Amino acid sequence: MLIYLWSRRNPYVRMNFFGLLNFQAPFLPWVLMGFSSLLGNSIIVDLLGIAVGHIYFILEDVFPNQHGGIRILKTPSILKAIFDTSDEDPNNNPLPEEWPGGFAWLEDQRLEG
């Protein structure tokens, strides 16, 4: 499912499978399913992952962007209340790389030696 979703969100990425097969990212789940069948494994799990990934992709990325489309899959409010941090949270200290203007390169960064 995750491979299908990544491949649909990155359609122009060129892939190479063992140096033998060149293809674009949307074909990656199918190539992996073919390789799995060559190894003698059942393709049921691969087909289920592709089906679930396709349903999620349509509901999350395609349908909300259509005219009159709505977002059906929403995060439950209880999960947002538990895990979201507000911008006013005094304990929310962003990393230096995320500060406005980037990292302060010249602040107290002397080489000792």
PDB file of N, CA and C in Angstrom:
ATOM      1  N   MET A   1       0.833  -1.190   0.000  1.00  0.00           N
ATOM      2  CA  MET A   1       0.000   0.000   0.000  1.00  0.00           C
ATOM      3  C   MET A   1       0.872   1.246   0.000  1.00  0.00           C
ATOM      4  N   LEU A   2       1.897   1.262   0.837  1.00  0.00           N
ATOM      5  CA  LEU A   2       2.770   2.433   0.904  1.00  0.00           C
ATOM      6  C   LEU A   2       3.580   2.602  -0.378  1.00  0.00           C
ATOM      7  N   ILE A   3       4.017   1.508  -0.965  1.00  0.00           N
ATOM      8  CA  ILE A   3       4.753   1.589  -2.230  1.00  0.00           C
ATOM      9  C   ILE A   3       3.845   2.110  -3.335  1.00  0.00           C
ATOM     10  N   TYR A   4       2.607   1.633  -3.359  1.00  0.00           N
ATOM     11  CA  TYR A   4       1.657   2.117  -4.359  1.00  0.00           C
ATOM     12  C   TYR A   4       1.417   3.607  -4.189  1.00  0.00           C
ATOM     13  N   LEU A   5       1.210   4.037  -2.957  1.00  0.00           N
ATOM     14  CA  LEU A   5       0.945   5.449  -2.698  1.00  0.00           C
ATOM     15  C   LEU A   5       2.135   6.310  -3.089  1.00  0.00           C
ATOM     16  N   TRP A   6       3.356   5.889  -2.706  1.00  0.00           N
ATOM     17  CA  TRP A   6       4.548   6.653  -3.090  1.00  0.00           C
ATOM     18  C   TRP A   6       4.685   6.710  -4.604  1.00  0.00           C
ATOM     19  N   SER A   7       4.439   5.588  -5.259  1.00  0.00           N
ATOM     20  CA  SER A   7       4.624   5.552  -6.714  1.00  0.00           C
ATOM     21  C   SER A   7       3.614   6.433  -7.431  1.00  0.00           C
ATOM     22  N   ARG A   8       2.410   6.543  -6.898  1.00  0.00           N
ATOM     23  CA  ARG A   8       1.412   7.409  -7.534  1.00  0.00           C
ATOM     24  C   ARG A   8       1.689   8.886  -7.265  1.00  0.00           C
ATOM     25  N   ARG A   9       2.279   9.195  -6.119  1.00  0.00           N
ATOM     26  CA  ARG A   9       2.589  10.595  -5.810  1.00  0.00           C
ATOM     27  C   ARG A   9       3.874  11.067  -6.472  1.00  0.00           C
ATOM     28  N   ASN A  10       4.675  10.162  -7.003  1.00  0.00           N
ATOM     29  CA  ASN A  10       5.929  10.500  -7.694  1.00  0.00           C
ATOM     30  C   ASN A  10       5.952   9.841  -9.069  1.00  0.00           C
ATOM     31  N   PRO A  11       5.058  10.267  -9.968  1.00  0.00           N
ATOM     32  CA  PRO A  11       4.911   9.542 -11.241  1.00  0.00           C
ATOM     33  C   PRO A  11       6.074   9.693 -12.216  1.00  0.00           C
ATOM     34  N   TYR A  12       6.920  10.689 -12.048  1.00  0.00           N
ATOM     35  CA  TYR A  12       7.990  10.920 -13.023  1.00  0.00           C
ATOM     36  C   TYR A  12       9.345  10.387 -12.592  1.00  0.00           C
ATOM     37  N   VAL A  13       9.396   9.706 -11.466  1.00  0.00           N
ATOM     38  CA  VAL A  13      10.666   9.148 -10.989  1.00  0.00           C
ATOM     39  C   VAL A  13      10.987   7.912 -11.813  1.00  0.00           C
ATOM     40  N   ARG A  14      12.213   7.874 -12.343  1.00  0.00           N
ATOM     41  CA  ARG A  14      12.657   6.707 -13.118  1.00  0.00           C
ATOM     42  C   ARG A  14      13.222   5.668 -12.164  1.00  0.00           C
ATOM     43  N   MET A  15      12.858   4.412 -12.381  1.00  0.00           N
ATOM     44  CA  MET A  15      13.291   3.317 -11.521  1.00  0.00           C
ATOM     45  C   MET A  15      14.113   2.329 -12.342  1.00  0.00           C
ATOM     46  N   ASN A  16      14.931   1.563 -11.636  1.00  0.00           N
ATOM     47  CA  ASN A  16      15.736   0.533 -12.258  1.00  0.00           C
ATOM     48  C   ASN A  16      15.669  -0.693 -11.358  1.00  0.00           C
ATOM     49  N   PHE A  17      15.252  -1.821 -11.903  1.00  0.00           N
ATOM     50  CA  PHE A  17      15.092  -3.041 -11.121  1.00  0.00           C
ATOM     51  C   PHE A  17      16.222  -4.009 -11.460  1.00  0.00           C
ATOM     52  N   PHE A  18      17.162  -4.144 -10.533  1.00  0.00           N
ATOM     53  CA  PHE A  18      18.332  -5.022 -10.673  1.00  0.00           C
ATOM     54  C   PHE A  18      19.145  -4.742 -11.934  1.00  0.00           C
ATOM     55  N   GLY A  19      19.082  -3.538 -12.444  1.00  0.00           N
ATOM     56  CA  GLY A  19      19.848  -3.166 -13.624  1.00  0.00           C
ATOM     57  C   GLY A  19      19.327  -3.774 -14.908  1.00  0.00           C
ATOM     58  N   LEU A  20      18.203  -4.442 -14.852  1.00  0.00           N
ATOM     59  CA  LEU A  20      17.662  -5.117 -16.037  1.00  0.00           C
ATOM     60  C   LEU A  20      16.444  -4.433 -16.623  1.00  0.00           C
ATOM     61  N   LEU A  21      15.660  -3.810 -15.779  1.00  0.00           N
ATOM     62  CA  LEU A  21      14.374  -3.279 -16.203  1.00  0.00           C
ATOM     63  C   LEU A  21      14.265  -1.815 -15.784  1.00  0.00           C
ATOM     64  N   ASN A  22      14.063  -0.943 -16.763  1.00  0.00           N
ATOM     65  CA  ASN A  22      13.875   0.490 -16.491  1.00  0.00           C
ATOM     66  C   ASN A  22      12.393   0.826 -16.660  1.00  0.00           C
ATOM     67  N   PHE A  23      11.854   1.570 -15.707  1.00  0.00           N
ATOM     68  CA  PHE A  23      10.443   1.923 -15.753  1.00  0.00           C
ATOM     69  C   PHE A  23      10.226   3.157 -14.890  1.00  0.00           C
ATOM     70  N   GLN A  24       9.032   3.733 -14.991  1.00  0.00           N
ATOM     71  CA  GLN A  24       8.688   4.868 -14.156  1.00  0.00           C
ATOM     72  C   GLN A  24       7.999   4.373 -12.886  1.00  0.00           C
ATOM     73  N   ALA A  25       8.001   5.202 -11.855  1.00  0.00           N
ATOM     74  CA  ALA A  25       7.542   4.821 -10.524  1.00  0.00           C
ATOM     75  C   ALA A  25       6.130   4.231 -10.463  1.00  0.00           C
ATOM     76  N   PRO A  26       5.150   4.692 -11.244  1.00  0.00           N
ATOM     77  CA  PRO A  26       3.817   4.084 -11.112  1.00  0.00           C
ATOM     78  C   PRO A  26       3.772   2.585 -11.397  1.00  0.00           C
ATOM     79  N   PHE A  27       4.790   2.063 -12.061  1.00  0.00           N
ATOM     80  CA  PHE A  27       4.814   0.629 -12.357  1.00  0.00           C
ATOM     81  C   PHE A  27       5.524  -0.194 -11.284  1.00  0.00           C
ATOM     82  N   LEU A  28       6.090   0.454 -10.264  1.00  0.00           N
ATOM     83  CA  LEU A  28       6.846  -0.263  -9.242  1.00  0.00           C
ATOM     84  C   LEU A  28       6.029  -1.335  -8.514  1.00  0.00           C
ATOM     85  N   PRO A  29       4.802  -1.073  -8.069  1.00  0.00           N
ATOM     86  CA  PRO A  29       4.062  -2.146  -7.395  1.00  0.00           C
ATOM     87  C   PRO A  29       3.833  -3.364  -8.283  1.00  0.00           C
ATOM     88  N   TRP A  30       3.618  -3.120  -9.571  1.00  0.00           N
ATOM     89  CA  TRP A  30       3.386  -4.227 -10.502  1.00  0.00           C
ATOM     90  C   TRP A  30       4.672  -5.010 -10.761  1.00  0.00           C
ATOM     91  N   VAL A  31       5.780  -4.300 -10.844  1.00  0.00           N
ATOM     92  CA  VAL A  31       7.066  -4.983 -11.025  1.00  0.00           C
ATOM     93  C   VAL A  31       7.382  -5.835  -9.799  1.00  0.00           C
ATOM     94  N   LEU A  32       7.149  -5.298  -8.608  1.00  0.00           N
ATOM     95  CA  LEU A  32       7.397  -6.073  -7.394  1.00  0.00           C
ATOM     96  C   LEU A  32       6.453  -7.268  -7.286  1.00  0.00           C
ATOM     97  N   MET A  33       5.220  -7.115  -7.741  1.00  0.00           N
ATOM     98  CA  MET A  33       4.293  -8.238  -7.738  1.00  0.00           C
ATOM     99  C   MET A  33       4.753  -9.319  -8.722  1.00  0.00           C
ATOM    100  N   GLY A  34       5.232  -8.912  -9.890  1.00  0.00           N
ATOM    101  CA  GLY A  34       5.762  -9.879 -10.854  1.00  0.00           C
ATOM    102  C   GLY A  34       6.978 -10.602 -10.318  1.00  0.00           C
ATOM    103  N   PHE A  35       7.862  -9.878  -9.649  1.00  0.00           N
ATOM    104  CA  PHE A  35       9.048 -10.501  -9.062  1.00  0.00           C
ATOM    105  C   PHE A  35       8.650 -11.462  -7.951  1.00  0.00           C
ATOM    106  N   SER A  36       7.655 -11.086  -7.166  1.00  0.00           N
ATOM    107  CA  SER A  36       7.167 -11.948  -6.105  1.00  0.00           C
ATOM    108  C   SER A  36       6.594 -13.247  -6.677  1.00  0.00           C
ATOM    109  N   SER A  37       5.873 -13.134  -7.787  1.00  0.00           N
ATOM    110  CA  SER A  37       5.327 -14.349  -8.408  1.00  0.00           C
ATOM    111  C   SER A  37       6.425 -15.203  -9.025  1.00  0.00           C
ATOM    112  N   LEU A  38       7.485 -14.576  -9.542  1.00  0.00           N
ATOM    113  CA  LEU A  38       8.627 -15.345 -10.062  1.00  0.00           C
ATOM    114  C   LEU A  38       9.311 -16.148  -8.966  1.00  0.00           C
ATOM    115  N   LEU A  39       9.303 -15.617  -7.755  1.00  0.00           N
ATOM    116  CA  LEU A  39       9.899 -16.330  -6.629  1.00  0.00           C
ATOM    117  C   LEU A  39       8.975 -17.408  -6.079  1.00  0.00           C
ATOM    118  N   GLY A  40       7.774 -17.507  -6.608  1.00  0.00           N
ATOM    119  CA  GLY A  40       6.847 -18.537  -6.180  1.00  0.00           C
ATOM    120  C   GLY A  40       5.944 -18.137  -5.039  1.00  0.00           C
ATOM    121  N   ASN A  41       5.937 -16.869  -4.691  1.00  0.00           N
ATOM    122  CA  ASN A  41       5.071 -16.395  -3.616  1.00  0.00           C
ATOM    123  C   ASN A  41       3.680 -16.092  -4.152  1.00  0.00           C
ATOM    124  N   SER A  42       2.720 -16.082  -3.266  1.00  0.00           N
ATOM    125  CA  SER A  42       1.361 -15.741  -3.645  1.00  0.00           C
ATOM    126  C   SER A  42       1.275 -14.241  -3.905  1.00  0.00           C
ATOM    127  N   ILE A  43       0.512 -13.859  -4.917  1.00  0.00           N
ATOM    128  CA  ILE A  43       0.386 -12.438  -5.248  1.00  0.00           C
ATOM    129  C   ILE A  43      -0.831 -11.812  -4.580  1.00  0.00           C
ATOM    130  N   ILE A  44      -1.546 -12.574  -3.761  1.00  0.00           N
ATOM    131  CA  ILE A  44      -2.748 -12.057  -3.100  1.00  0.00           C
ATOM    132  C   ILE A  44      -2.410 -10.853  -2.219  1.00  0.00           C
ATOM    133  N   VAL A  45      -1.339 -10.956  -1.445  1.00  0.00           N
ATOM    134  CA  VAL A  45      -0.961  -9.853  -0.554  1.00  0.00           C
ATOM    135  C   VAL A  45      -0.597  -8.617  -1.375  1.00  0.00           C
ATOM    136  N   ASP A  46       0.115  -8.814  -2.462  1.00  0.00           N
ATOM    137  CA  ASP A  46       0.480  -7.680  -3.324  1.00  0.00           C
ATOM    138  C   ASP A  46      -0.768  -7.042  -3.933  1.00  0.00           C
ATOM    139  N   LEU A  47      -1.688  -7.859  -4.403  1.00  0.00           N
ATOM    140  CA  LEU A  47      -2.920  -7.322  -4.990  1.00  0.00           C
ATOM    141  C   LEU A  47      -3.756  -6.576  -3.954  1.00  0.00           C
ATOM    142  N   LEU A  48      -3.811  -7.081  -2.732  1.00  0.00           N
ATOM    143  CA  LEU A  48      -4.544  -6.379  -1.676  1.00  0.00           C
ATOM    144  C   LEU A  48      -3.889  -5.035  -1.358  1.00  0.00           C
ATOM    145  N   GLY A  49      -2.569  -5.011  -1.305  1.00  0.00           N
ATOM    146  CA  GLY A  49      -1.862  -3.753  -1.058  1.00  0.00           C
ATOM    147  C   GLY A  49      -2.107  -2.745  -2.160  1.00  0.00           C
ATOM    148  N   ILE A  50      -2.097  -3.200  -3.408  1.00  0.00           N
ATOM    149  CA  ILE A  50      -2.364  -2.304  -4.535  1.00  0.00           C
ATOM    150  C   ILE A  50      -3.800  -1.789  -4.469  1.00  0.00           C
ATOM    151  N   ALA A  51      -4.748  -2.664  -4.143  1.00  0.00           N
ATOM    152  CA  ALA A  51      -6.157  -2.249  -4.073  1.00  0.00           C
ATOM    153  C   ALA A  51      -6.382  -1.237  -2.952  1.00  0.00           C
ATOM    154  N   VAL A  52      -5.848  -1.516  -1.767  1.00  0.00           N
ATOM    155  CA  VAL A  52      -6.013  -0.587  -0.641  1.00  0.00           C
ATOM    156  C   VAL A  52      -5.303   0.735  -0.921  1.00  0.00           C
ATOM    157  N   GLY A  53      -4.101   0.659  -1.484  1.00  0.00           N
ATOM    158  CA  GLY A  53      -3.371   1.876  -1.839  1.00  0.00           C
ATOM    159  C   GLY A  53      -4.113   2.705  -2.864  1.00  0.00           C
ATOM    160  N   HIS A  54      -4.744   2.034  -3.840  1.00  0.00           N
ATOM    161  CA  HIS A  54      -5.489   2.755  -4.865  1.00  0.00           C
ATOM    162  C   HIS A  54      -6.711   3.453  -4.256  1.00  0.00           C
ATOM    163  N   ILE A  55      -7.428   2.752  -3.384  1.00  0.00           N
ATOM    164  CA  ILE A  55      -8.602   3.359  -2.727  1.00  0.00           C
ATOM    165  C   ILE A  55      -8.168   4.572  -1.896  1.00  0.00           C
ATOM    166  N   TYR A  56      -7.093   4.419  -1.131  1.00  0.00           N
ATOM    167  CA  TYR A  56      -6.608   5.535  -0.318  1.00  0.00           C
ATOM    168  C   TYR A  56      -6.166   6.700  -1.203  1.00  0.00           C
ATOM    169  N   PHE A  57      -5.454   6.414  -2.291  1.00  0.00           N
ATOM    170  CA  PHE A  57      -4.989   7.468  -3.201  1.00  0.00           C
ATOM    171  C   PHE A  57      -6.173   8.234  -3.789  1.00  0.00           C
ATOM    172  N   ILE A  58      -7.201   7.518  -4.207  1.00  0.00           N
ATOM    173  CA  ILE A  58      -8.377   8.175  -4.788  1.00  0.00           C
ATOM    174  C   ILE A  58      -9.078   9.039  -3.741  1.00  0.00           C
ATOM    175  N   LEU A  59      -9.267   8.494  -2.535  1.00  0.00           N
ATOM    176  CA  LEU A  59      -9.996   9.237  -1.506  1.00  0.00           C
ATOM    177  C   LEU A  59      -9.200  10.400  -0.923  1.00  0.00           C
ATOM    178  N   GLU A  60      -7.881  10.298  -0.906  1.00  0.00           N
ATOM    179  CA  GLU A  60      -7.053  11.325  -0.269  1.00  0.00           C
ATOM    180  C   GLU A  60      -6.492  12.347  -1.259  1.00  0.00           C
ATOM    181  N   ASP A  61      -6.128  11.914  -2.460  1.00  0.00           N
ATOM    182  CA  ASP A  61      -5.444  12.810  -3.395  1.00  0.00           C
ATOM    183  C   ASP A  61      -6.274  13.224  -4.607  1.00  0.00           C
ATOM    184  N   VAL A  62      -7.166  12.372  -5.071  1.00  0.00           N
ATOM    185  CA  VAL A  62      -7.904  12.671  -6.305  1.00  0.00           C
ATOM    186  C   VAL A  62      -9.261  13.308  -6.007  1.00  0.00           C
ATOM    187  N   PHE A  63     -10.089  12.617  -5.236  1.00  0.00           N
ATOM    188  CA  PHE A  63     -11.456  13.081  -5.019  1.00  0.00           C
ATOM    189  C   PHE A  63     -11.559  14.457  -4.372  1.00  0.00           C
ATOM    190  N   PRO A  64     -10.757  14.787  -3.339  1.00  0.00           N
ATOM    191  CA  PRO A  64     -10.887  16.134  -2.757  1.00  0.00           C
ATOM    192  C   PRO A  64     -10.516  17.260  -3.722  1.00  0.00           C
ATOM    193  N   ASN A  65      -9.733  16.976  -4.751  1.00  0.00           N
ATOM    194  CA  ASN A  65      -9.312  18.008  -5.691  1.00  0.00           C
ATOM    195  C   ASN A  65     -10.260  18.166  -6.871  1.00  0.00           C
ATOM    196  N   GLN A  66     -11.301  17.337  -6.950  1.00  0.00           N
ATOM    197  CA  GLN A  66     -12.294  17.457  -8.013  1.00  0.00           C
ATOM    198  C   GLN A  66     -13.263  18.584  -7.695  1.00  0.00           C
ATOM    199  N   HIS A  67     -13.942  19.073  -8.701  1.00  0.00           N
ATOM    200  CA  HIS A  67     -14.941  20.114  -8.495  1.00  0.00           C
ATOM    201  C   HIS A  67     -16.049  19.574  -7.607  1.00  0.00           C
ATOM    202  N   GLY A  68     -16.279  20.200  -6.485  1.00  0.00           N
ATOM    203  CA  GLY A  68     -17.302  19.766  -5.549  1.00  0.00           C
ATOM    204  C   GLY A  68     -16.880  18.594  -4.685  1.00  0.00           C
ATOM    205  N   GLY A  69     -15.615  18.200  -4.766  1.00  0.00           N
ATOM    206  CA  GLY A  69     -15.138  17.068  -3.976  1.00  0.00           C
ATOM    207  C   GLY A  69     -14.917  17.460  -2.526  1.00  0.00           C
ATOM    208  N   ILE A  70     -15.069  16.502  -1.653  1.00  0.00           N
ATOM    209  CA  ILE A  70     -14.834  16.730  -0.236  1.00  0.00           C
ATOM    210  C   ILE A  70     -13.802  15.725   0.250  1.00  0.00           C
ATOM    211  N   ARG A  71     -13.225  16.025   1.377  1.00  0.00           N
ATOM    212  CA  ARG A  71     -12.236  15.124   1.970  1.00  0.00           C
ATOM    213  C   ARG A  71     -12.975  14.160   2.890  1.00  0.00           C
ATOM    214  N   ILE A  72     -13.031  12.904   2.492  1.00  0.00           N
ATOM    215  CA  ILE A  72     -13.778  11.899   3.244  1.00  0.00           C
ATOM    216  C   ILE A  72     -12.964  11.388   4.423  1.00  0.00           C
ATOM    217  N   LEU A  73     -11.678  11.156   4.193  1.00  0.00           N
ATOM    218  CA  LEU A  73     -10.825  10.627   5.250  1.00  0.00           C
ATOM    219  C   LEU A  73     -10.265  11.778   6.075  1.00  0.00           C
ATOM    220  N   LYS A  74     -10.713  11.862   7.322  1.00  0.00           N
ATOM    221  CA  LYS A  74     -10.247  12.925   8.201  1.00  0.00           C
ATOM    222  C   LYS A  74      -9.685  12.305   9.469  1.00  0.00           C
ATOM    223  N   THR A  75      -8.701  12.975  10.050  1.00  0.00           N
ATOM    224  CA  THR A  75      -8.137  12.513  11.304  1.00  0.00           C
ATOM    225  C   THR A  75      -9.138  12.761  12.422  1.00  0.00           C
ATOM    226  N   PRO A  76      -9.413  11.746  13.250  1.00  0.00           N
ATOM    227  CA  PRO A  76     -10.345  11.959  14.372  1.00  0.00           C
ATOM    228  C   PRO A  76      -9.840  13.064  15.303  1.00  0.00           C
ATOM    229  N   SER A  77     -10.762  13.853  15.821  1.00  0.00           N
ATOM    230  CA  SER A  77     -10.389  15.006  16.648  1.00  0.00           C
ATOM    231  C   SER A  77      -9.680  14.586  17.932  1.00  0.00           C
ATOM    232  N   ILE A  78      -9.972  13.404  18.441  1.00  0.00           N
ATOM    233  CA  ILE A  78      -9.293  12.968  19.661  1.00  0.00           C
ATOM    234  C   ILE A  78      -7.802  12.743  19.397  1.00  0.00           C
ATOM    235  N   LEU A  79      -7.458  12.235  18.211  1.00  0.00           N
ATOM    236  CA  LEU A  79      -6.047  12.061  17.878  1.00  0.00           C
ATOM    237  C   LEU A  79      -5.355  13.407  17.677  1.00  0.00           C
ATOM    238  N   LYS A  80      -6.067  14.354  17.094  1.00  0.00           N
ATOM    239  CA  LYS A  80      -5.494  15.699  16.951  1.00  0.00           C
ATOM    240  C   LYS A  80      -5.252  16.329  18.308  1.00  0.00           C
ATOM    241  N   ALA A  81      -6.198  16.138  19.221  1.00  0.00           N
ATOM    242  CA  ALA A  81      -6.052  16.718  20.560  1.00  0.00           C
ATOM    243  C   ALA A  81      -4.874  16.092  21.306  1.00  0.00           C
ATOM    244  N   ILE A  82      -4.624  14.827  21.076  1.00  0.00           N
ATOM    245  CA  ILE A  82      -3.544  14.145  21.790  1.00  0.00           C
ATOM    246  C   ILE A  82      -2.179  14.477  21.193  1.00  0.00           C
ATOM    247  N   PHE A  83      -2.065  14.462  19.874  1.00  0.00           N
ATOM    248  CA  PHE A  83      -0.747  14.518  19.239  1.00  0.00           C
ATOM    249  C   PHE A  83      -0.365  15.859  18.631  1.00  0.00           C
ATOM    250  N   ASP A  84      -1.311  16.723  18.305  1.00  0.00           N
ATOM    251  CA  ASP A  84      -0.960  18.014  17.718  1.00  0.00           C
ATOM    252  C   ASP A  84      -0.404  18.945  18.784  1.00  0.00           C
ATOM    253  N   THR A  85       0.656  19.653  18.431  1.00  0.00           N
ATOM    254  CA  THR A  85       1.187  20.681  19.327  1.00  0.00           C
ATOM    255  C   THR A  85       0.852  22.038  18.724  1.00  0.00           C
ATOM    256  N   SER A  86       0.394  22.936  19.560  1.00  0.00           N
ATOM    257  CA  SER A  86       0.057  24.263  19.057  1.00  0.00           C
ATOM    258  C   SER A  86       1.329  25.102  18.923  1.00  0.00           C
ATOM    259  N   ASP A  87       1.232  26.151  18.131  1.00  0.00           N
ATOM    260  CA  ASP A  87       2.377  27.044  17.940  1.00  0.00           C
ATOM    261  C   ASP A  87       2.685  27.835  19.210  1.00  0.00           C
ATOM    262  N   GLU A  88       1.701  28.015  20.077  1.00  0.00           N
ATOM    263  CA  GLU A  88       1.897  28.772  21.308  1.00  0.00           C
ATOM    264  C   GLU A  88       2.467  27.915  22.436  1.00  0.00           C
ATOM    265  N   ASP A  89       2.672  26.652  22.205  1.00  0.00           N
ATOM    266  CA  ASP A  89       3.176  25.752  23.247  1.00  0.00           C
ATOM    267  C   ASP A  89       4.591  26.170  23.638  1.00  0.00           C
ATOM    268  N   PRO A  90       4.838  26.522  24.919  1.00  0.00           N
ATOM    269  CA  PRO A  90       6.181  26.959  25.322  1.00  0.00           C
ATOM    270  C   PRO A  90       7.206  25.827  25.280  1.00  0.00           C
ATOM    271  N   ASN A  91       6.770  24.582  25.306  1.00  0.00           N
ATOM    272  CA  ASN A  91       7.694  23.456  25.247  1.00  0.00           C
ATOM    273  C   ASN A  91       8.009  23.016  23.825  1.00  0.00           C
ATOM    274  N   ASN A  92       7.399  23.671  22.860  1.00  0.00           N
ATOM    275  CA  ASN A  92       7.618  23.319  21.469  1.00  0.00           C
ATOM    276  C   ASN A  92       8.836  24.094  20.959  1.00  0.00           C
ATOM    277  N   ASN A  93       9.997  23.494  21.035  1.00  0.00           N
ATOM    278  CA  ASN A  93      11.234  24.129  20.581  1.00  0.00           C
ATOM    279  C   ASN A  93      11.644  23.529  19.246  1.00  0.00           C
ATOM    280  N   PRO A  94      11.502  24.287  18.158  1.00  0.00           N
ATOM    281  CA  PRO A  94      11.889  23.747  16.856  1.00  0.00           C
ATOM    282  C   PRO A  94      13.405  23.605  16.757  1.00  0.00           C
ATOM    283  N   LEU A  95      13.829  22.747  15.875  1.00  0.00           N
ATOM    284  CA  LEU A  95      15.249  22.562  15.620  1.00  0.00           C
ATOM    285  C   LEU A  95      15.831  23.829  15.019  1.00  0.00           C
ATOM    286  N   PRO A  96      17.131  24.058  15.184  1.00  0.00           N
ATOM    287  CA  PRO A  96      17.733  25.263  14.601  1.00  0.00           C
ATOM    288  C   PRO A  96      17.551  25.347  13.086  1.00  0.00           C
ATOM    289  N   GLU A  97      17.494  24.197  12.423  1.00  0.00           N
ATOM    290  CA  GLU A  97      17.320  24.214  10.968  1.00  0.00           C
ATOM    291  C   GLU A  97      15.944  24.720  10.570  1.00  0.00           C
ATOM    292  N   GLU A  98      14.984  24.671  11.485  1.00  0.00           N
ATOM    293  CA  GLU A  98      13.627  25.087  11.179  1.00  0.00           C
ATOM    294  C   GLU A  98      13.336  26.526  11.604  1.00  0.00           C
ATOM    295  N   TRP A  99      14.318  27.215  12.180  1.00  0.00           N
ATOM    296  CA  TRP A  99      14.126  28.607  12.551  1.00  0.00           C
ATOM    297  C   TRP A  99      14.004  29.452  11.290  1.00  0.00           C
ATOM    298  N   PRO A 100      13.304  30.575  11.383  1.00  0.00           N
ATOM    299  CA  PRO A 100      13.243  31.465  10.213  1.00  0.00           C
ATOM    300  C   PRO A 100      14.640  31.944   9.840  1.00  0.00           C
ATOM    301  N   GLY A 101      14.951  31.857   8.588  1.00  0.00           N
ATOM    302  CA  GLY A 101      16.259  32.285   8.114  1.00  0.00           C
ATOM    303  C   GLY A 101      17.286  31.175   8.122  1.00  0.00           C
ATOM    304  N   GLY A 102      16.916  29.985   8.550  1.00  0.00           N
ATOM    305  CA  GLY A 102      17.835  28.852   8.528  1.00  0.00           C
ATOM    306  C   GLY A 102      18.684  28.772   9.776  1.00  0.00           C
ATOM    307  N   PHE A 103      19.758  28.067   9.688  1.00  0.00           N
ATOM    308  CA  PHE A 103      20.642  27.808  10.821  1.00  0.00           C
ATOM    309  C   PHE A 103      21.572  28.994  11.046  1.00  0.00           C
ATOM    310  N   ALA A 104      21.777  29.366  12.284  1.00  0.00           N
ATOM    311  CA  ALA A 104      22.674  30.482  12.625  1.00  0.00           C
ATOM    312  C   ALA A 104      24.114  29.968  12.608  1.00  0.00           C
ATOM    313  N   TRP A 105      24.760  30.048  11.490  1.00  0.00           N
ATOM    314  CA  TRP A 105      26.072  29.426  11.289  1.00  0.00           C
ATOM    315  C   TRP A 105      27.177  30.094  12.090  1.00  0.00           C
ATOM    316  N   LEU A 106      27.106  31.368  12.330  1.00  0.00           N
ATOM    317  CA  LEU A 106      28.230  32.079  12.925  1.00  0.00           C
ATOM    318  C   LEU A 106      28.096  32.265  14.430  1.00  0.00           C
ATOM    319  N   GLU A 107      27.082  31.699  15.055  1.00  0.00           N
ATOM    320  CA  GLU A 107      26.901  31.872  16.484  1.00  0.00           C
ATOM    321  C   GLU A 107      27.683  30.817  17.255  1.00  0.00           C
ATOM    322  N   ASP A 108      28.700  31.232  17.994  1.00  0.00           N
ATOM    323  CA  ASP A 108      29.456  30.371  18.895  1.00  0.00           C
ATOM    324  C   ASP A 108      29.818  29.014  18.293  1.00  0.00           C
ATOM    325  N   GLN A 109      30.350  29.050  17.102  1.00  0.00           N
ATOM    326  CA  GLN A 109      30.750  27.802  16.465  1.00  0.00           C
ATOM    327  C   GLN A 109      32.215  27.888  16.101  1.00  0.00           C
ATOM    328  N   ARG A 110      33.035  27.988  17.115  1.00  0.00           N
ATOM    329  CA  ARG A 110      34.473  28.049  16.896  1.00  0.00           C
ATOM    330  C   ARG A 110      35.059  26.662  16.981  1.00  0.00           C
ATOM    331  N   LEU A 111      36.022  26.410  16.170  1.00  0.00           N
ATOM    332  CA  LEU A 111      36.690  25.120  16.209  1.00  0.00           C
ATOM    333  C   LEU A 111      37.729  25.115  17.328  1.00  0.00           C
ATOM    334  N   GLU A 112      37.670  24.126  18.150  1.00  0.00           N
ATOM    335  CA  GLU A 112      38.660  23.971  19.217  1.00  0.00           C
ATOM    336  C   GLU A 112      39.744  23.034  18.701  1.00  0.00           C
ATOM    337  N   GLY A 113      40.969  23.382  18.929  1.00  0.00           N
ATOM    338  CA  GLY A 113      41.944  22.436  18.422  1.00  0.00           C
ATOM    339  C   GLY A 113      43.285  22.783  18.674  1.00  0.00           C
TER     340      GLY A 113
END
